[in-house]
Amino acid sequence: MHRGRLKGKACRNIKLNQGSFGLQALEPVWLTSRQIEAIRKTISRYTKRSGKLIIKVYPDKSVTARAEESRMGSGKGGVKYWVVSIQPGTILFEVKDVPKDIALEALRIASYKLPIRSKILIKD
């Protein structure tokens, strides 16, 4: 898979659809499947699995790497991990059916797991 470029702003997935609260990315990044799982665990543990957590991104881009100290040639390396390409403005997670104070605190704690700046959104 081609690496692509991290440029431009998101034009899709920029509004809260299903949840009342959301976590929005403010910078471009490749978000790995491990980071997504760490955030999912953090939010579900803090909310004590009440309400519903909606994950709006899916890691569908494969990142390959060759073995350390291997010689040149002999093809492309194997898949090392999976990422999703995030553009500024993309909604990453949504939470619904959770009290406001618990949801905001869970998203605040989860934002520390991200390698970028993020913003918490509240549906009016």
PDB file of N, CA and C in Angstrom:
ATOM      1  N   MET A   1       0.844  -1.177   0.000  1.00  0.00           N
ATOM      2  CA  MET A   1       0.000   0.000   0.000  1.00  0.00           C
ATOM      3  C   MET A   1       0.889   1.241   0.000  1.00  0.00           C
ATOM      4  N   HIS A   2       0.491   2.249  -0.746  1.00  0.00           N
ATOM      5  CA  HIS A   2       1.257   3.491  -0.799  1.00  0.00           C
ATOM      6  C   HIS A   2       1.145   4.251   0.521  1.00  0.00           C
ATOM      7  N   ARG A   3       2.178   5.015   0.840  1.00  0.00           N
ATOM      8  CA  ARG A   3       2.186   5.752   2.103  1.00  0.00           C
ATOM      9  C   ARG A   3       1.212   6.924   2.073  1.00  0.00           C
ATOM     10  N   GLY A   4       1.107   7.629   0.969  1.00  0.00           N
ATOM     11  CA  GLY A   4       0.210   8.766   0.870  1.00  0.00           C
ATOM     12  C   GLY A   4       0.776   9.990   1.568  1.00  0.00           C
ATOM     13  N   ARG A   5      -0.022  11.045   1.635  1.00  0.00           N
ATOM     14  CA  ARG A   5       0.387  12.288   2.273  1.00  0.00           C
ATOM     15  C   ARG A   5      -0.614  12.664   3.344  1.00  0.00           C
ATOM     16  N   LEU A   6      -0.111  13.242   4.427  1.00  0.00           N
ATOM     17  CA  LEU A   6      -0.982  13.731   5.500  1.00  0.00           C
ATOM     18  C   LEU A   6      -1.203  15.217   5.280  1.00  0.00           C
ATOM     19  N   LYS A   7      -2.087  15.553   4.370  1.00  0.00           N
ATOM     20  CA  LYS A   7      -2.349  16.958   4.114  1.00  0.00           C
ATOM     21  C   LYS A   7      -3.832  17.159   3.873  1.00  0.00           C
ATOM     22  N   GLY A   8      -4.279  18.378   4.021  1.00  0.00           N
ATOM     23  CA  GLY A   8      -5.676  18.708   3.820  1.00  0.00           C
ATOM     24  C   GLY A   8      -6.484  18.548   5.089  1.00  0.00           C
ATOM     25  N   LYS A   9      -7.755  18.922   5.017  1.00  0.00           N
ATOM     26  CA  LYS A   9      -8.668  18.806   6.151  1.00  0.00           C
ATOM     27  C   LYS A   9      -9.755  17.806   5.810  1.00  0.00           C
ATOM     28  N   ALA A  10     -10.333  17.236   6.848  1.00  0.00           N
ATOM     29  CA  ALA A  10     -11.385  16.239   6.657  1.00  0.00           C
ATOM     30  C   ALA A  10     -12.654  16.908   6.135  1.00  0.00           C
ATOM     31  N   CYS A  11     -13.316  16.268   5.197  1.00  0.00           N
ATOM     32  CA  CYS A  11     -14.600  16.757   4.717  1.00  0.00           C
ATOM     33  C   CYS A  11     -15.708  15.764   5.059  1.00  0.00           C
ATOM     34  N   ARG A  12     -15.342  14.554   5.469  1.00  0.00           N
ATOM     35  CA  ARG A  12     -16.299  13.558   5.926  1.00  0.00           C
ATOM     36  C   ARG A  12     -16.034  13.272   7.389  1.00  0.00           C
ATOM     37  N   ASN A  13     -17.040  12.770   8.085  1.00  0.00           N
ATOM     38  CA  ASN A  13     -16.907  12.367   9.481  1.00  0.00           C
ATOM     39  C   ASN A  13     -16.450  13.537  10.351  1.00  0.00           C
ATOM     40  N   ILE A  14     -17.112  14.701  10.183  1.00  0.00           N
ATOM     41  CA  ILE A  14     -16.714  15.891  10.929  1.00  0.00           C
ATOM     42  C   ILE A  14     -17.796  16.359  11.903  1.00  0.00           C
ATOM     43  N   LYS A  15     -18.939  15.666  11.924  1.00  0.00           N
ATOM     44  CA  LYS A  15     -20.031  16.039  12.829  1.00  0.00           C
ATOM     45  C   LYS A  15     -20.427  14.840  13.671  1.00  0.00           C
ATOM     46  N   LEU A  16     -20.965  15.128  14.853  1.00  0.00           N
ATOM     47  CA  LEU A  16     -21.467  14.048  15.712  1.00  0.00           C
ATOM     48  C   LEU A  16     -22.750  13.502  15.103  1.00  0.00           C
ATOM     49  N   ASN A  17     -22.785  12.212  14.812  1.00  0.00           N
ATOM     50  CA  ASN A  17     -23.964  11.592  14.215  1.00  0.00           C
ATOM     51  C   ASN A  17     -24.771  10.802  15.228  1.00  0.00           C
ATOM     52  N   GLN A  18     -24.108   9.895  15.941  1.00  0.00           N
ATOM     53  CA  GLN A  18     -24.832   8.971  16.804  1.00  0.00           C
ATOM     54  C   GLN A  18     -24.726   9.331  18.269  1.00  0.00           C
ATOM     55  N   GLY A  19     -23.612   9.898  18.689  1.00  0.00           N
ATOM     56  CA  GLY A  19     -23.386  10.153  20.102  1.00  0.00           C
ATOM     57  C   GLY A  19     -23.650  11.585  20.505  1.00  0.00           C
ATOM     58  N   SER A  20     -23.647  11.821  21.827  1.00  0.00           N
ATOM     59  CA  SER A  20     -23.840  13.157  22.369  1.00  0.00           C
ATOM     60  C   SER A  20     -22.514  13.868  22.605  1.00  0.00           C
ATOM     61  N   PHE A  21     -21.441  13.103  22.766  1.00  0.00           N
ATOM     62  CA  PHE A  21     -20.107  13.654  23.017  1.00  0.00           C
ATOM     63  C   PHE A  21     -19.132  12.978  22.076  1.00  0.00           C
ATOM     64  N   GLY A  22     -18.093  13.707  21.677  1.00  0.00           N
ATOM     65  CA  GLY A  22     -17.136  13.130  20.747  1.00  0.00           C
ATOM     66  C   GLY A  22     -15.741  13.672  20.941  1.00  0.00           C
ATOM     67  N   LEU A  23     -14.774  12.968  20.367  1.00  0.00           N
ATOM     68  CA  LEU A  23     -13.371  13.354  20.406  1.00  0.00           C
ATOM     69  C   LEU A  23     -12.937  13.615  18.967  1.00  0.00           C
ATOM     70  N   GLN A  24     -12.485  14.864  18.696  1.00  0.00           N
ATOM     71  CA  GLN A  24     -12.144  15.288  17.351  1.00  0.00           C
ATOM     72  C   GLN A  24     -10.646  15.569  17.251  1.00  0.00           C
ATOM     73  N   ALA A  25     -10.013  15.077  16.195  1.00  0.00           N
ATOM     74  CA  ALA A  25      -8.582  15.304  15.970  1.00  0.00           C
ATOM     75  C   ALA A  25      -8.364  16.706  15.421  1.00  0.00           C
ATOM     76  N   LEU A  26      -7.295  17.366  15.865  1.00  0.00           N
ATOM     77  CA  LEU A  26      -6.964  18.703  15.390  1.00  0.00           C
ATOM     78  C   LEU A  26      -5.697  18.722  14.539  1.00  0.00           C
ATOM     79  N   GLU A  27      -5.009  17.596  14.428  1.00  0.00           N
ATOM     80  CA  GLU A  27      -3.773  17.500  13.658  1.00  0.00           C
ATOM     81  C   GLU A  27      -3.795  16.223  12.825  1.00  0.00           C
ATOM     82  N   PRO A  28      -3.022  16.174  11.729  1.00  0.00           N
ATOM     83  CA  PRO A  28      -2.954  14.930  10.947  1.00  0.00           C
ATOM     84  C   PRO A  28      -2.022  13.928  11.610  1.00  0.00           C
ATOM     85  N   VAL A  29      -2.361  12.648  11.487  1.00  0.00           N
ATOM     86  CA  VAL A  29      -1.544  11.600  12.103  1.00  0.00           C
ATOM     87  C   VAL A  29      -1.933  10.247  11.523  1.00  0.00           C
ATOM     88  N   TRP A  30      -1.014   9.288  11.636  1.00  0.00           N
ATOM     89  CA  TRP A  30      -1.350   7.883  11.428  1.00  0.00           C
ATOM     90  C   TRP A  30      -1.646   7.312  12.798  1.00  0.00           C
ATOM     91  N   LEU A  31      -2.865   6.915  13.041  1.00  0.00           N
ATOM     92  CA  LEU A  31      -3.276   6.348  14.323  1.00  0.00           C
ATOM     93  C   LEU A  31      -3.221   4.828  14.210  1.00  0.00           C
ATOM     94  N   THR A  32      -2.451   4.187  15.085  1.00  0.00           N
ATOM     95  CA  THR A  32      -2.275   2.740  15.004  1.00  0.00           C
ATOM     96  C   THR A  32      -3.429   2.016  15.695  1.00  0.00           C
ATOM     97  N   SER A  33      -3.570   0.741  15.382  1.00  0.00           N
ATOM     98  CA  SER A  33      -4.628  -0.060  15.990  1.00  0.00           C
ATOM     99  C   SER A  33      -4.403  -0.196  17.494  1.00  0.00           C
ATOM    100  N   ARG A  34      -3.160  -0.208  17.942  1.00  0.00           N
ATOM    101  CA  ARG A  34      -2.871  -0.278  19.385  1.00  0.00           C
ATOM    102  C   ARG A  34      -3.325   0.981  20.112  1.00  0.00           C
ATOM    103  N   GLN A  35      -3.128   2.136  19.491  1.00  0.00           N
ATOM    104  CA  GLN A  35      -3.565   3.388  20.110  1.00  0.00           C
ATOM    105  C   GLN A  35      -5.087   3.451  20.197  1.00  0.00           C
ATOM    106  N   ILE A  36      -5.767   2.996  19.146  1.00  0.00           N
ATOM    107  CA  ILE A  36      -7.233   2.974  19.153  1.00  0.00           C
ATOM    108  C   ILE A  36      -7.735   2.055  20.262  1.00  0.00           C
ATOM    109  N   GLU A  37      -7.111   0.899  20.412  1.00  0.00           N
ATOM    110  CA  GLU A  37      -7.521  -0.049  21.452  1.00  0.00           C
ATOM    111  C   GLU A  37      -7.262   0.512  22.848  1.00  0.00           C
ATOM    112  N   ALA A  38      -6.157   1.212  23.039  1.00  0.00           N
ATOM    113  CA  ALA A  38      -5.861   1.809  24.344  1.00  0.00           C
ATOM    114  C   ALA A  38      -6.902   2.861  24.712  1.00  0.00           C
ATOM    115  N   ILE A  39      -7.316   3.650  23.744  1.00  0.00           N
ATOM    116  CA  ILE A  39      -8.338   4.670  23.996  1.00  0.00           C
ATOM    117  C   ILE A  39      -9.683   4.016  24.285  1.00  0.00           C
ATOM    118  N   ARG A  40     -10.010   2.969  23.522  1.00  0.00           N
ATOM    119  CA  ARG A  40     -11.277   2.258  23.752  1.00  0.00           C
ATOM    120  C   ARG A  40     -11.338   1.697  25.169  1.00  0.00           C
ATOM    121  N   LYS A  41     -10.252   1.071  25.617  1.00  0.00           N
ATOM    122  CA  LYS A  41     -10.221   0.514  26.968  1.00  0.00           C
ATOM    123  C   LYS A  41     -10.365   1.607  28.019  1.00  0.00           C
ATOM    124  N   THR A  42      -9.685   2.730  27.818  1.00  0.00           N
ATOM    125  CA  THR A  42      -9.745   3.834  28.781  1.00  0.00           C
ATOM    126  C   THR A  42     -11.162   4.360  28.934  1.00  0.00           C
ATOM    127  N   ILE A  43     -11.831   4.606  27.820  1.00  0.00           N
ATOM    128  CA  ILE A  43     -13.188   5.156  27.883  1.00  0.00           C
ATOM    129  C   ILE A  43     -14.150   4.148  28.496  1.00  0.00           C
ATOM    130  N   SER A  44     -14.066   2.886  28.076  1.00  0.00           N
ATOM    131  CA  SER A  44     -15.009   1.888  28.594  1.00  0.00           C
ATOM    132  C   SER A  44     -14.784   1.616  30.083  1.00  0.00           C
ATOM    133  N   ARG A  45     -13.534   1.682  30.536  1.00  0.00           N
ATOM    134  CA  ARG A  45     -13.279   1.483  31.963  1.00  0.00           C
ATOM    135  C   ARG A  45     -13.785   2.657  32.785  1.00  0.00           C
ATOM    136  N   TYR A  46     -13.580   3.877  32.293  1.00  0.00           N
ATOM    137  CA  TYR A  46     -13.997   5.041  33.077  1.00  0.00           C
ATOM    138  C   TYR A  46     -15.520   5.142  33.142  1.00  0.00           C
ATOM    139  N   THR A  47     -16.206   4.806  32.065  1.00  0.00           N
ATOM    140  CA  THR A  47     -17.671   4.876  32.068  1.00  0.00           C
ATOM    141  C   THR A  47     -18.290   3.627  32.680  1.00  0.00           C
ATOM    142  N   LYS A  48     -17.450   2.680  33.111  1.00  0.00           N
ATOM    143  CA  LYS A  48     -17.911   1.416  33.702  1.00  0.00           C
ATOM    144  C   LYS A  48     -18.861   0.686  32.764  1.00  0.00           C
ATOM    145  N   ARG A  49     -18.554   0.766  31.465  1.00  0.00           N
ATOM    146  CA  ARG A  49     -19.297   0.102  30.407  1.00  0.00           C
ATOM    147  C   ARG A  49     -20.780   0.476  30.369  1.00  0.00           C
ATOM    148  N   SER A  50     -21.108   1.652  30.901  1.00  0.00           N
ATOM    149  CA  SER A  50     -22.479   2.139  30.760  1.00  0.00           C
ATOM    150  C   SER A  50     -22.547   2.975  29.491  1.00  0.00           C
ATOM    151  N   GLY A  51     -23.717   3.082  28.925  1.00  0.00           N
ATOM    152  CA  GLY A  51     -23.851   3.840  27.685  1.00  0.00           C
ATOM    153  C   GLY A  51     -23.271   3.087  26.502  1.00  0.00           C
ATOM    154  N   LYS A  52     -22.931   3.835  25.463  1.00  0.00           N
ATOM    155  CA  LYS A  52     -22.423   3.221  24.244  1.00  0.00           C
ATOM    156  C   LYS A  52     -21.242   4.024  23.732  1.00  0.00           C
ATOM    157  N   LEU A  53     -20.195   3.314  23.321  1.00  0.00           N
ATOM    158  CA  LEU A  53     -19.006   3.910  22.723  1.00  0.00           C
ATOM    159  C   LEU A  53     -18.988   3.552  21.242  1.00  0.00           C
ATOM    160  N   ILE A  54     -18.913   4.567  20.389  1.00  0.00           N
ATOM    161  CA  ILE A  54     -18.874   4.354  18.950  1.00  0.00           C
ATOM    162  C   ILE A  54     -17.485   4.739  18.453  1.00  0.00           C
ATOM    163  N   ILE A  55     -16.780   3.796  17.837  1.00  0.00           N
ATOM    164  CA  ILE A  55     -15.468   4.055  17.256  1.00  0.00           C
ATOM    165  C   ILE A  55     -15.681   4.395  15.786  1.00  0.00           C
ATOM    166  N   LYS A  56     -15.288   5.592  15.378  1.00  0.00           N
ATOM    167  CA  LYS A  56     -15.591   6.086  14.036  1.00  0.00           C
ATOM    168  C   LYS A  56     -14.467   5.857  13.026  1.00  0.00           C
ATOM    169  N   VAL A  57     -13.330   5.333  13.461  1.00  0.00           N
ATOM    170  CA  VAL A  57     -12.196   5.112  12.555  1.00  0.00           C
ATOM    171  C   VAL A  57     -11.804   3.635  12.594  1.00  0.00           C
ATOM    172  N   TYR A  58     -11.248   3.174  11.484  1.00  0.00           N
ATOM    173  CA  TYR A  58     -10.835   1.773  11.396  1.00  0.00           C
ATOM    174  C   TYR A  58      -9.466   1.706  10.724  1.00  0.00           C
ATOM    175  N   PRO A  59      -8.508   0.993  11.325  1.00  0.00           N
ATOM    176  CA  PRO A  59      -7.169   0.908  10.733  1.00  0.00           C
ATOM    177  C   PRO A  59      -7.147  -0.030   9.523  1.00  0.00           C
ATOM    178  N   ASP A  60      -7.130   0.552   8.330  1.00  0.00           N
ATOM    179  CA  ASP A  60      -7.204  -0.242   7.108  1.00  0.00           C
ATOM    180  C   ASP A  60      -5.960  -0.106   6.231  1.00  0.00           C
ATOM    181  N   LYS A  61      -4.970   0.630   6.685  1.00  0.00           N
ATOM    182  CA  LYS A  61      -3.738   0.812   5.912  1.00  0.00           C
ATOM    183  C   LYS A  61      -2.642  -0.021   6.549  1.00  0.00           C
ATOM    184  N   SER A  62      -2.008  -0.875   5.771  1.00  0.00           N
ATOM    185  CA  SER A  62      -0.943  -1.723   6.296  1.00  0.00           C
ATOM    186  C   SER A  62       0.401  -0.997   6.194  1.00  0.00           C
ATOM    187  N   VAL A  63       1.217  -1.135   7.223  1.00  0.00           N
ATOM    188  CA  VAL A  63       2.565  -0.579   7.230  1.00  0.00           C
ATOM    189  C   VAL A  63       3.526  -1.760   7.279  1.00  0.00           C
ATOM    190  N   THR A  64       4.414  -1.807   6.301  1.00  0.00           N
ATOM    191  CA  THR A  64       5.344  -2.926   6.213  1.00  0.00           C
ATOM    192  C   THR A  64       6.728  -2.495   6.665  1.00  0.00           C
ATOM    193  N   ALA A  65       7.522  -3.456   7.088  1.00  0.00           N
ATOM    194  CA  ALA A  65       8.896  -3.175   7.499  1.00  0.00           C
ATOM    195  C   ALA A  65       9.738  -4.417   7.245  1.00  0.00           C
ATOM    196  N   ARG A  66      10.961  -4.179   6.856  1.00  0.00           N
ATOM    197  CA  ARG A  66      11.885  -5.290   6.627  1.00  0.00           C
ATOM    198  C   ARG A  66      12.578  -5.623   7.936  1.00  0.00           C
ATOM    199  N   ALA A  67      13.133  -6.809   8.011  1.00  0.00           N
ATOM    200  CA  ALA A  67      13.838  -7.246   9.210  1.00  0.00           C
ATOM    201  C   ALA A  67      15.070  -6.369   9.447  1.00  0.00           C
ATOM    202  N   GLU A  68      15.438  -6.199  10.701  1.00  0.00           N
ATOM    203  CA  GLU A  68      16.617  -5.414  11.046  1.00  0.00           C
ATOM    204  C   GLU A  68      17.872  -6.043  10.447  1.00  0.00           C
ATOM    205  N   GLU A  69      18.764  -5.200   9.940  1.00  0.00           N
ATOM    206  CA  GLU A  69      20.058  -5.613   9.398  1.00  0.00           C
ATOM    207  C   GLU A  69      19.929  -6.635   8.272  1.00  0.00           C
ATOM    208  N   SER A  70      18.854  -6.526   7.475  1.00  0.00           N
ATOM    209  CA  SER A  70      18.725  -7.424   6.328  1.00  0.00           C
ATOM    210  C   SER A  70      19.329  -6.737   5.106  1.00  0.00           C
ATOM    211  N   ARG A  71      19.754  -7.533   4.140  1.00  0.00           N
ATOM    212  CA  ARG A  71      20.400  -6.986   2.952  1.00  0.00           C
ATOM    213  C   ARG A  71      19.377  -6.396   1.997  1.00  0.00           C
ATOM    214  N   MET A  72      19.875  -5.561   1.101  1.00  0.00           N
ATOM    215  CA  MET A  72      19.014  -4.933   0.100  1.00  0.00           C
ATOM    216  C   MET A  72      18.482  -5.990  -0.865  1.00  0.00           C
ATOM    217  N   GLY A  73      17.320  -5.699  -1.416  1.00  0.00           N
ATOM    218  CA  GLY A  73      16.715  -6.608  -2.381  1.00  0.00           C
ATOM    219  C   GLY A  73      15.810  -7.615  -1.706  1.00  0.00           C
ATOM    220  N   SER A  74      15.431  -8.625  -2.424  1.00  0.00           N
ATOM    221  CA  SER A  74      14.562  -9.719  -1.991  1.00  0.00           C
ATOM    222  C   SER A  74      13.186  -9.248  -1.529  1.00  0.00           C
ATOM    223  N   GLY A  75      12.683  -8.185  -2.155  1.00  0.00           N
ATOM    224  CA  GLY A  75      11.283  -7.811  -1.996  1.00  0.00           C
ATOM    225  C   GLY A  75      10.928  -6.948  -0.810  1.00  0.00           C
ATOM    226  N   LYS A  76       9.647  -6.799  -0.655  1.00  0.00           N
ATOM    227  CA  LYS A  76       9.082  -5.929   0.373  1.00  0.00           C
ATOM    228  C   LYS A  76       8.948  -6.707   1.676  1.00  0.00           C
ATOM    229  N   GLY A  77       9.038  -6.010   2.789  1.00  0.00           N
ATOM    230  CA  GLY A  77       8.906  -6.654   4.087  1.00  0.00           C
ATOM    231  C   GLY A  77       7.468  -7.032   4.390  1.00  0.00           C
ATOM    232  N   GLY A  78       7.278  -7.756   5.461  1.00  0.00           N
ATOM    233  CA  GLY A  78       5.946  -8.174   5.873  1.00  0.00           C
ATOM    234  C   GLY A  78       5.204  -7.057   6.602  1.00  0.00           C
ATOM    235  N   VAL A  79       3.915  -7.256   6.825  1.00  0.00           N
ATOM    236  CA  VAL A  79       3.096  -6.263   7.514  1.00  0.00           C
ATOM    237  C   VAL A  79       3.521  -6.190   8.976  1.00  0.00           C
ATOM    238  N   LYS A  80       3.860  -4.996   9.426  1.00  0.00           N
ATOM    239  CA  LYS A  80       4.309  -4.791  10.804  1.00  0.00           C
ATOM    240  C   LYS A  80       3.137  -4.392  11.701  1.00  0.00           C
ATOM    241  N   TYR A  81       2.309  -3.441  11.231  1.00  0.00           N
ATOM    242  CA  TYR A  81       1.138  -3.009  11.987  1.00  0.00           C
ATOM    243  C   TYR A  81       0.162  -2.313  11.045  1.00  0.00           C
ATOM    244  N   TRP A  82      -1.009  -1.972  11.569  1.00  0.00           N
ATOM    245  CA  TRP A  82      -2.078  -1.350  10.788  1.00  0.00           C
ATOM    246  C   TRP A  82      -2.348   0.045  11.322  1.00  0.00           C
ATOM    247  N   VAL A  83      -2.656   0.992  10.422  1.00  0.00           N
ATOM    248  CA  VAL A  83      -2.924   2.370  10.811  1.00  0.00           C
ATOM    249  C   VAL A  83      -4.157   2.890  10.076  1.00  0.00           C
ATOM    250  N   VAL A  84      -4.677   4.001  10.587  1.00  0.00           N
ATOM    251  CA  VAL A  84      -5.699   4.763   9.874  1.00  0.00           C
ATOM    252  C   VAL A  84      -5.158   6.172   9.714  1.00  0.00           C
ATOM    253  N   SER A  85      -5.319   6.731   8.536  1.00  0.00           N
ATOM    254  CA  SER A  85      -4.834   8.073   8.254  1.00  0.00           C
ATOM    255  C   SER A  85      -5.889   9.079   8.722  1.00  0.00           C
ATOM    256  N   ILE A  86      -5.508   9.936   9.667  1.00  0.00           N
ATOM    257  CA  ILE A  86      -6.431  10.897  10.270  1.00  0.00           C
ATOM    258  C   ILE A  86      -6.104  12.292   9.759  1.00  0.00           C
ATOM    259  N   GLN A  87      -7.120  13.002   9.311  1.00  0.00           N
ATOM    260  CA  GLN A  87      -6.971  14.388   8.901  1.00  0.00           C
ATOM    261  C   GLN A  87      -7.565  15.294   9.971  1.00  0.00           C
ATOM    262  N   PRO A  88      -7.132  16.548  10.053  1.00  0.00           N
ATOM    263  CA  PRO A  88      -7.706  17.464  11.052  1.00  0.00           C
ATOM    264  C   PRO A  88      -9.217  17.609  10.866  1.00  0.00           C
ATOM    265  N   GLY A  89      -9.944  17.522  11.964  1.00  0.00           N
ATOM    266  CA  GLY A  89     -11.397  17.644  11.933  1.00  0.00           C
ATOM    267  C   GLY A  89     -12.131  16.326  11.999  1.00  0.00           C
ATOM    268  N   THR A  90     -11.433  15.220  11.908  1.00  0.00           N
ATOM    269  CA  THR A  90     -12.066  13.899  11.923  1.00  0.00           C
ATOM    270  C   THR A  90     -12.538  13.553  13.330  1.00  0.00           C
ATOM    271  N   ILE A  91     -13.761  13.049  13.445  1.00  0.00           N
ATOM    272  CA  ILE A  91     -14.280  12.548  14.715  1.00  0.00           C
ATOM    273  C   ILE A  91     -13.737  11.137  14.913  1.00  0.00           C
ATOM    274  N   LEU A  92     -13.094  10.892  16.047  1.00  0.00           N
ATOM    275  CA  LEU A  92     -12.493   9.593  16.303  1.00  0.00           C
ATOM    276  C   LEU A  92     -13.427   8.683  17.095  1.00  0.00           C
ATOM    277  N   PHE A  93     -14.016   9.219  18.161  1.00  0.00           N
ATOM    278  CA  PHE A  93     -14.879   8.434  19.046  1.00  0.00           C
ATOM    279  C   PHE A  93     -16.115   9.244  19.387  1.00  0.00           C
ATOM    280  N   GLU A  94     -17.229   8.543  19.616  1.00  0.00           N
ATOM    281  CA  GLU A  94     -18.457   9.157  20.101  1.00  0.00           C
ATOM    282  C   GLU A  94     -18.964   8.351  21.287  1.00  0.00           C
ATOM    283  N   VAL A  95     -19.583   9.061  22.238  1.00  0.00           N
ATOM    284  CA  VAL A  95     -20.141   8.426  23.428  1.00  0.00           C
ATOM    285  C   VAL A  95     -21.583   8.887  23.564  1.00  0.00           C
ATOM    286  N   LYS A  96     -22.485   7.955  23.908  1.00  0.00           N
ATOM    287  CA  LYS A  96     -23.878   8.349  24.138  1.00  0.00           C
ATOM    288  C   LYS A  96     -24.449   7.575  25.315  1.00  0.00           C
ATOM    289  N   ASP A  97     -25.530   8.094  25.857  1.00  0.00           N
ATOM    290  CA  ASP A  97     -26.244   7.508  27.001  1.00  0.00           C
ATOM    291  C   ASP A  97     -25.361   7.434  28.244  1.00  0.00           C
ATOM    292  N   VAL A  98     -24.516   8.444  28.445  1.00  0.00           N
ATOM    293  CA  VAL A  98     -23.642   8.544  29.613  1.00  0.00           C
ATOM    294  C   VAL A  98     -23.839   9.945  30.198  1.00  0.00           C
ATOM    295  N   PRO A  99     -23.852  10.093  31.537  1.00  0.00           N
ATOM    296  CA  PRO A  99     -23.956  11.438  32.113  1.00  0.00           C
ATOM    297  C   PRO A  99     -22.829  12.357  31.621  1.00  0.00           C
ATOM    298  N   LYS A 100     -23.135  13.653  31.526  1.00  0.00           N
ATOM    299  CA  LYS A 100     -22.214  14.611  30.927  1.00  0.00           C
ATOM    300  C   LYS A 100     -20.865  14.658  31.623  1.00  0.00           C
ATOM    301  N   ASP A 101     -20.845  14.714  32.957  1.00  0.00           N
ATOM    302  CA  ASP A 101     -19.569  14.839  33.670  1.00  0.00           C
ATOM    303  C   ASP A 101     -18.694  13.608  33.477  1.00  0.00           C
ATOM    304  N   ILE A 102     -19.301  12.426  33.463  1.00  0.00           N
ATOM    305  CA  ILE A 102     -18.532  11.186  33.268  1.00  0.00           C
ATOM    306  C   ILE A 102     -17.998  11.110  31.839  1.00  0.00           C
ATOM    307  N   ALA A 103     -18.825  11.460  30.870  1.00  0.00           N
ATOM    308  CA  ALA A 103     -18.405  11.395  29.468  1.00  0.00           C
ATOM    309  C   ALA A 103     -17.266  12.369  29.189  1.00  0.00           C
ATOM    310  N   LEU A 104     -17.375  13.595  29.703  1.00  0.00           N
ATOM    311  CA  LEU A 104     -16.328  14.589  29.461  1.00  0.00           C
ATOM    312  C   LEU A 104     -15.011  14.172  30.103  1.00  0.00           C
ATOM    313  N   GLU A 105     -15.071  13.629  31.309  1.00  0.00           N
ATOM    314  CA  GLU A 105     -13.847  13.198  31.992  1.00  0.00           C
ATOM    315  C   GLU A 105     -13.229  11.986  31.289  1.00  0.00           C
ATOM    316  N   ALA A 106     -14.057  11.063  30.815  1.00  0.00           N
ATOM    317  CA  ALA A 106     -13.539   9.894  30.101  1.00  0.00           C
ATOM    318  C   ALA A 106     -12.844  10.310  28.811  1.00  0.00           C
ATOM    319  N   LEU A 107     -13.435  11.245  28.069  1.00  0.00           N
ATOM    320  CA  LEU A 107     -12.819  11.713  26.830  1.00  0.00           C
ATOM    321  C   LEU A 107     -11.562  12.527  27.104  1.00  0.00           C
ATOM    322  N   ARG A 108     -11.542  13.265  28.208  1.00  0.00           N
ATOM    323  CA  ARG A 108     -10.351  14.037  28.562  1.00  0.00           C
ATOM    324  C   ARG A 108      -9.183  13.100  28.874  1.00  0.00           C
ATOM    325  N   ILE A 109      -9.452  12.056  29.642  1.00  0.00           N
ATOM    326  CA  ILE A 109      -8.411  11.083  29.964  1.00  0.00           C
ATOM    327  C   ILE A 109      -7.956  10.353  28.696  1.00  0.00           C
ATOM    328  N   ALA A 110      -8.905  10.015  27.829  1.00  0.00           N
ATOM    329  CA  ALA A 110      -8.577   9.305  26.591  1.00  0.00           C
ATOM    330  C   ALA A 110      -7.736  10.170  25.654  1.00  0.00           C
ATOM    331  N   SER A 111      -7.926  11.487  25.703  1.00  0.00           N
ATOM    332  CA  SER A 111      -7.175  12.361  24.804  1.00  0.00           C
ATOM    333  C   SER A 111      -5.680  12.350  25.118  1.00  0.00           C
ATOM    334  N   TYR A 112      -5.314  11.989  26.350  1.00  0.00           N
ATOM    335  CA  TYR A 112      -3.899  11.888  26.696  1.00  0.00           C
ATOM    336  C   TYR A 112      -3.227  10.700  26.015  1.00  0.00           C
ATOM    337  N   LYS A 113      -4.011   9.725  25.585  1.00  0.00           N
ATOM    338  CA  LYS A 113      -3.462   8.554  24.901  1.00  0.00           C
ATOM    339  C   LYS A 113      -3.150   8.844  23.433  1.00  0.00           C
ATOM    340  N   LEU A 114      -3.694   9.947  22.918  1.00  0.00           N
ATOM    341  CA  LEU A 114      -3.478  10.291  21.515  1.00  0.00           C
ATOM    342  C   LEU A 114      -2.123  10.973  21.323  1.00  0.00           C
ATOM    343  N   PRO A 115      -1.463  10.750  20.186  1.00  0.00           N
ATOM    344  CA  PRO A 115      -0.194  11.429  19.915  1.00  0.00           C
ATOM    345  C   PRO A 115      -0.371  12.835  19.346  1.00  0.00           C
ATOM    346  N   ILE A 116      -1.609  13.345  19.297  1.00  0.00           N
ATOM    347  CA  ILE A 116      -1.896  14.660  18.717  1.00  0.00           C
ATOM    348  C   ILE A 116      -2.812  15.442  19.647  1.00  0.00           C
ATOM    349  N   ARG A 117      -3.012  16.723  19.307  1.00  0.00           N
ATOM    350  CA  ARG A 117      -3.994  17.531  20.036  1.00  0.00           C
ATOM    351  C   ARG A 117      -5.391  17.131  19.575  1.00  0.00           C
ATOM    352  N   SER A 118      -6.338  17.201  20.497  1.00  0.00           N
ATOM    353  CA  SER A 118      -7.711  16.853  20.155  1.00  0.00           C
ATOM    354  C   SER A 118      -8.672  17.768  20.901  1.00  0.00           C
ATOM    355  N   LYS A 119      -9.938  17.698  20.514  1.00  0.00           N
ATOM    356  CA  LYS A 119     -10.955  18.571  21.083  1.00  0.00           C
ATOM    357  C   LYS A 119     -12.179  17.718  21.423  1.00  0.00           C
ATOM    358  N   ILE A 120     -12.826  18.029  22.536  1.00  0.00           N
ATOM    359  CA  ILE A 120     -14.043  17.320  22.937  1.00  0.00           C
ATOM    360  C   ILE A 120     -15.241  18.107  22.415  1.00  0.00           C
ATOM    361  N   LEU A 121     -16.131  17.419  21.725  1.00  0.00           N
ATOM    362  CA  LEU A 121     -17.329  18.036  21.177  1.00  0.00           C
ATOM    363  C   LEU A 121     -18.558  17.622  21.978  1.00  0.00           C
ATOM    364  N   ILE A 122     -19.508  18.558  22.117  1.00  0.00           N
ATOM    365  CA  ILE A 122     -20.768  18.285  22.791  1.00  0.00           C
ATOM    366  C   ILE A 122     -21.899  18.633  21.835  1.00  0.00           C
ATOM    367  N   LYS A 123     -22.816  17.700  21.646  1.00  0.00           N
ATOM    368  CA  LYS A 123     -23.958  17.943  20.774  1.00  0.00           C
ATOM    369  C   LYS A 123     -24.957  18.850  21.477  1.00  0.00           C
ATOM    370  N   ASP A 124     -25.450  19.846  20.767  1.00  0.00           N
ATOM    371  CA  ASP A 124     -26.408  20.792  21.370  1.00  0.00           C
ATOM    372  C   ASP A 124     -27.785  20.194  21.497  1.00  0.00           C
TER     373      ASP A 124
END
